[in-house]
N, C-alpha and C. Protein backbone atom coordinates (compact mmCIF):
# COMPACT_ATOMS: atom_id res chain seq x y z
N MET A 1 55.33 -14.74 -31.16
CA MET A 1 54.24 -14.56 -30.22
C MET A 1 53.93 -13.07 -30.10
N ASP A 2 52.67 -12.73 -30.28
CA ASP A 2 52.23 -11.34 -30.15
C ASP A 2 51.89 -11.07 -28.69
N ILE A 3 52.84 -10.51 -27.96
CA ILE A 3 52.66 -10.29 -26.52
C ILE A 3 51.50 -9.33 -26.24
N ASN A 4 51.23 -8.39 -27.14
CA ASN A 4 50.15 -7.44 -26.93
C ASN A 4 48.80 -8.12 -26.81
N LYS A 5 48.64 -9.24 -27.51
CA LYS A 5 47.39 -9.99 -27.43
C LYS A 5 47.12 -10.47 -26.00
N TYR A 6 48.20 -10.69 -25.25
CA TYR A 6 48.07 -11.27 -23.92
C TYR A 6 48.20 -10.26 -22.78
N GLU A 7 48.20 -8.98 -23.13
CA GLU A 7 48.29 -7.96 -22.09
C GLU A 7 47.03 -7.96 -21.23
N ILE A 8 47.24 -7.78 -19.94
CA ILE A 8 46.12 -7.68 -19.01
C ILE A 8 46.40 -6.52 -18.05
N ASN A 9 45.36 -6.08 -17.41
CA ASN A 9 45.51 -5.11 -16.34
C ASN A 9 45.59 -5.92 -15.05
N ILE A 10 46.77 -6.01 -14.48
CA ILE A 10 46.97 -6.88 -13.31
C ILE A 10 46.11 -6.43 -12.14
N TYR A 11 45.86 -5.14 -12.00
CA TYR A 11 45.00 -4.67 -10.91
C TYR A 11 43.58 -5.21 -11.07
N GLU A 12 43.08 -5.20 -12.31
CA GLU A 12 41.74 -5.75 -12.55
C GLU A 12 41.70 -7.25 -12.27
N GLN A 13 42.77 -7.95 -12.64
CA GLN A 13 42.83 -9.39 -12.41
C GLN A 13 42.86 -9.71 -10.92
N ILE A 14 43.65 -8.96 -10.17
CA ILE A 14 43.72 -9.17 -8.72
C ILE A 14 42.36 -8.88 -8.09
N ALA A 15 41.73 -7.78 -8.51
CA ALA A 15 40.43 -7.40 -7.97
C ALA A 15 39.39 -8.50 -8.24
N LYS A 16 39.42 -9.04 -9.45
CA LYS A 16 38.51 -10.13 -9.83
C LYS A 16 38.74 -11.35 -8.92
N ASN A 17 40.00 -11.65 -8.67
CA ASN A 17 40.32 -12.79 -7.81
C ASN A 17 39.98 -12.54 -6.35
N ILE A 18 40.14 -11.32 -5.89
CA ILE A 18 39.74 -10.99 -4.51
C ILE A 18 38.26 -11.30 -4.34
N LYS A 19 37.46 -10.82 -5.29
CA LYS A 19 36.02 -11.05 -5.23
C LYS A 19 35.70 -12.55 -5.27
N LYS A 20 36.36 -13.27 -6.16
CA LYS A 20 36.14 -14.72 -6.30
C LYS A 20 36.43 -15.46 -5.00
N TYR A 21 37.59 -15.19 -4.41
CA TYR A 21 37.97 -15.91 -3.19
C TYR A 21 37.22 -15.42 -1.96
N ARG A 22 36.84 -14.15 -1.97
CA ARG A 22 36.02 -13.63 -0.86
C ARG A 22 34.68 -14.33 -0.84
N LYS A 23 34.06 -14.44 -2.01
CA LYS A 23 32.77 -15.12 -2.10
C LYS A 23 32.90 -16.60 -1.75
N ALA A 24 33.98 -17.23 -2.20
CA ALA A 24 34.20 -18.65 -1.89
C ALA A 24 34.34 -18.85 -0.38
N ALA A 25 34.87 -17.84 0.30
CA ALA A 25 35.03 -17.91 1.76
C ALA A 25 33.73 -17.55 2.48
N GLY A 26 32.71 -17.15 1.72
CA GLY A 26 31.44 -16.76 2.32
C GLY A 26 31.54 -15.48 3.12
N MET A 27 32.40 -14.58 2.69
CA MET A 27 32.67 -13.35 3.43
C MET A 27 32.10 -12.15 2.68
N THR A 28 31.51 -11.23 3.40
CA THR A 28 31.01 -10.01 2.78
C THR A 28 32.17 -9.03 2.58
N GLN A 29 31.93 -8.05 1.75
CA GLN A 29 32.92 -6.99 1.56
C GLN A 29 33.20 -6.29 2.87
N ALA A 30 32.16 -6.04 3.65
CA ALA A 30 32.32 -5.33 4.92
C ALA A 30 33.19 -6.11 5.90
N VAL A 31 32.98 -7.41 5.98
CA VAL A 31 33.76 -8.23 6.89
C VAL A 31 35.21 -8.29 6.44
N LEU A 32 35.42 -8.48 5.13
CA LEU A 32 36.79 -8.50 4.61
C LEU A 32 37.49 -7.18 4.92
N ALA A 33 36.80 -6.08 4.66
CA ALA A 33 37.39 -4.76 4.91
C ALA A 33 37.79 -4.60 6.37
N GLU A 34 36.89 -4.99 7.28
CA GLU A 34 37.17 -4.86 8.71
C GLU A 34 38.39 -5.69 9.11
N LYS A 35 38.46 -6.92 8.63
CA LYS A 35 39.57 -7.81 9.01
C LYS A 35 40.90 -7.37 8.41
N VAL A 36 40.85 -6.75 7.22
CA VAL A 36 42.08 -6.29 6.57
C VAL A 36 42.51 -4.93 7.12
N GLY A 37 41.53 -4.16 7.64
CA GLY A 37 41.86 -2.84 8.16
C GLY A 37 41.74 -1.74 7.13
N VAL A 38 40.83 -1.95 6.17
CA VAL A 38 40.55 -0.93 5.16
C VAL A 38 39.05 -0.63 5.21
N SER A 39 38.63 0.39 4.48
CA SER A 39 37.21 0.74 4.49
C SER A 39 36.41 -0.19 3.58
N HIS A 40 35.14 -0.30 3.90
CA HIS A 40 34.24 -1.07 3.04
C HIS A 40 34.24 -0.47 1.64
N GLU A 41 34.27 0.85 1.57
CA GLU A 41 34.31 1.55 0.29
C GLU A 41 35.53 1.14 -0.53
N PHE A 42 36.66 0.96 0.12
CA PHE A 42 37.89 0.54 -0.56
C PHE A 42 37.68 -0.81 -1.24
N ILE A 43 37.13 -1.77 -0.52
CA ILE A 43 36.88 -3.10 -1.09
C ILE A 43 35.84 -3.00 -2.20
N ARG A 44 34.76 -2.29 -1.94
CA ARG A 44 33.70 -2.15 -2.94
C ARG A 44 34.24 -1.54 -4.23
N ARG A 45 34.98 -0.46 -4.11
CA ARG A 45 35.53 0.24 -5.28
C ARG A 45 36.49 -0.67 -6.06
N ASN A 46 37.33 -1.39 -5.35
CA ASN A 46 38.30 -2.23 -6.04
C ASN A 46 37.66 -3.45 -6.70
N GLU A 47 36.58 -3.96 -6.12
CA GLU A 47 35.90 -5.10 -6.74
C GLU A 47 34.98 -4.68 -7.88
N SER A 48 34.59 -3.44 -7.92
CA SER A 48 33.67 -2.95 -8.95
C SER A 48 34.34 -3.00 -10.32
N ALA A 49 33.56 -3.40 -11.32
CA ALA A 49 34.10 -3.46 -12.68
C ALA A 49 34.51 -2.07 -13.18
N LYS A 50 33.83 -1.03 -12.69
CA LYS A 50 34.12 0.32 -13.15
C LYS A 50 34.98 1.12 -12.18
N GLY A 51 35.20 0.57 -11.00
CA GLY A 51 35.95 1.31 -9.98
C GLY A 51 37.43 1.39 -10.29
N LYS A 52 38.06 2.45 -9.82
CA LYS A 52 39.50 2.61 -9.98
C LYS A 52 40.20 1.64 -9.03
N LYS A 53 41.10 0.86 -9.58
CA LYS A 53 41.82 -0.13 -8.78
C LYS A 53 43.10 0.50 -8.23
N SER A 54 43.28 0.38 -6.95
CA SER A 54 44.46 0.96 -6.32
C SER A 54 44.71 0.25 -5.00
N PHE A 55 45.75 -0.57 -4.96
CA PHE A 55 46.10 -1.23 -3.71
C PHE A 55 47.58 -1.57 -3.71
N SER A 56 48.12 -1.70 -2.52
CA SER A 56 49.53 -1.98 -2.37
C SER A 56 49.77 -3.49 -2.24
N VAL A 57 51.00 -3.88 -2.39
CA VAL A 57 51.37 -5.28 -2.19
C VAL A 57 51.05 -5.69 -0.76
N ASP A 58 51.26 -4.78 0.18
CA ASP A 58 50.95 -5.04 1.58
C ASP A 58 49.47 -5.37 1.77
N THR A 59 48.60 -4.62 1.09
CA THR A 59 47.17 -4.86 1.19
C THR A 59 46.80 -6.20 0.55
N VAL A 60 47.40 -6.50 -0.59
CA VAL A 60 47.15 -7.79 -1.24
C VAL A 60 47.55 -8.93 -0.31
N TRP A 61 48.69 -8.78 0.36
CA TRP A 61 49.16 -9.79 1.31
C TRP A 61 48.15 -9.97 2.44
N LYS A 62 47.69 -8.86 3.01
CA LYS A 62 46.73 -8.92 4.12
C LYS A 62 45.43 -9.59 3.69
N ILE A 63 44.96 -9.26 2.48
CA ILE A 63 43.73 -9.87 1.97
C ILE A 63 43.92 -11.38 1.84
N ALA A 64 45.05 -11.82 1.31
CA ALA A 64 45.32 -13.25 1.17
C ALA A 64 45.33 -13.94 2.53
N VAL A 65 45.95 -13.30 3.52
CA VAL A 65 46.00 -13.88 4.87
C VAL A 65 44.59 -14.01 5.43
N VAL A 66 43.79 -12.96 5.31
CA VAL A 66 42.42 -12.99 5.83
C VAL A 66 41.59 -14.05 5.12
N LEU A 67 41.79 -14.19 3.81
CA LEU A 67 41.03 -15.19 3.06
C LEU A 67 41.61 -16.59 3.18
N ASN A 68 42.76 -16.68 3.88
CA ASN A 68 43.42 -17.96 4.11
C ASN A 68 43.79 -18.66 2.80
N ILE A 69 44.36 -17.87 1.88
CA ILE A 69 44.81 -18.42 0.61
C ILE A 69 46.26 -18.01 0.35
N ASP A 70 46.91 -18.74 -0.52
CA ASP A 70 48.25 -18.39 -0.96
C ASP A 70 48.15 -17.07 -1.73
N PRO A 71 48.99 -16.08 -1.44
CA PRO A 71 48.91 -14.79 -2.13
C PRO A 71 48.98 -14.92 -3.65
N GLY A 72 49.67 -15.93 -4.13
CA GLY A 72 49.78 -16.15 -5.58
C GLY A 72 48.43 -16.37 -6.25
N LYS A 73 47.46 -16.88 -5.49
CA LYS A 73 46.13 -17.12 -6.05
C LYS A 73 45.47 -15.82 -6.51
N LEU A 74 45.84 -14.71 -5.89
CA LEU A 74 45.26 -13.42 -6.28
C LEU A 74 45.83 -12.92 -7.60
N PHE A 75 46.92 -13.53 -8.06
CA PHE A 75 47.54 -13.17 -9.33
C PHE A 75 47.18 -14.14 -10.45
N GLU A 76 46.36 -15.14 -10.16
CA GLU A 76 46.00 -16.15 -11.15
C GLU A 76 45.32 -15.52 -12.35
N ILE A 77 45.64 -16.06 -13.51
CA ILE A 77 45.04 -15.59 -14.76
C ILE A 77 44.43 -16.81 -15.44
N ASP A 78 43.19 -16.67 -15.89
CA ASP A 78 42.54 -17.73 -16.64
C ASP A 78 43.08 -17.67 -18.07
N MET A 79 44.04 -18.55 -18.37
CA MET A 79 44.70 -18.51 -19.67
C MET A 79 43.74 -18.80 -20.81
N ASP A 80 42.75 -19.67 -20.61
CA ASP A 80 41.76 -19.94 -21.65
C ASP A 80 41.00 -18.67 -22.00
N GLU A 81 40.61 -17.93 -20.96
CA GLU A 81 39.89 -16.68 -21.17
C GLU A 81 40.78 -15.67 -21.89
N LEU A 82 42.04 -15.60 -21.51
CA LEU A 82 42.98 -14.66 -22.10
C LEU A 82 43.24 -14.97 -23.58
N VAL A 83 43.48 -16.23 -23.88
CA VAL A 83 43.79 -16.65 -25.24
C VAL A 83 42.59 -16.51 -26.17
N ASN A 84 41.40 -16.78 -25.64
CA ASN A 84 40.21 -16.80 -26.48
C ASN A 84 39.44 -15.49 -26.53
N ARG A 85 40.00 -14.43 -26.01
CA ARG A 85 39.26 -13.16 -26.07
C ARG A 85 39.52 -12.43 -27.36
């Protein structure tokens, strides 16, 4: 198995999932930021495809709590997408 083929940037994957579950919850970036206790800019930057991703496990936990999801969902990887890229 060529493990390099399956390498991902976990920060990008978490950011992608934050955006996915935030939208599914019908929540704006501003509302999520306020409820988590971070700036709107922080959420915007982390969700941006070009933004620098930087967040702590504590912040990921708080985001999961606010979105009312299992924290593991923020680490989900679409294996079909990964294998077929």
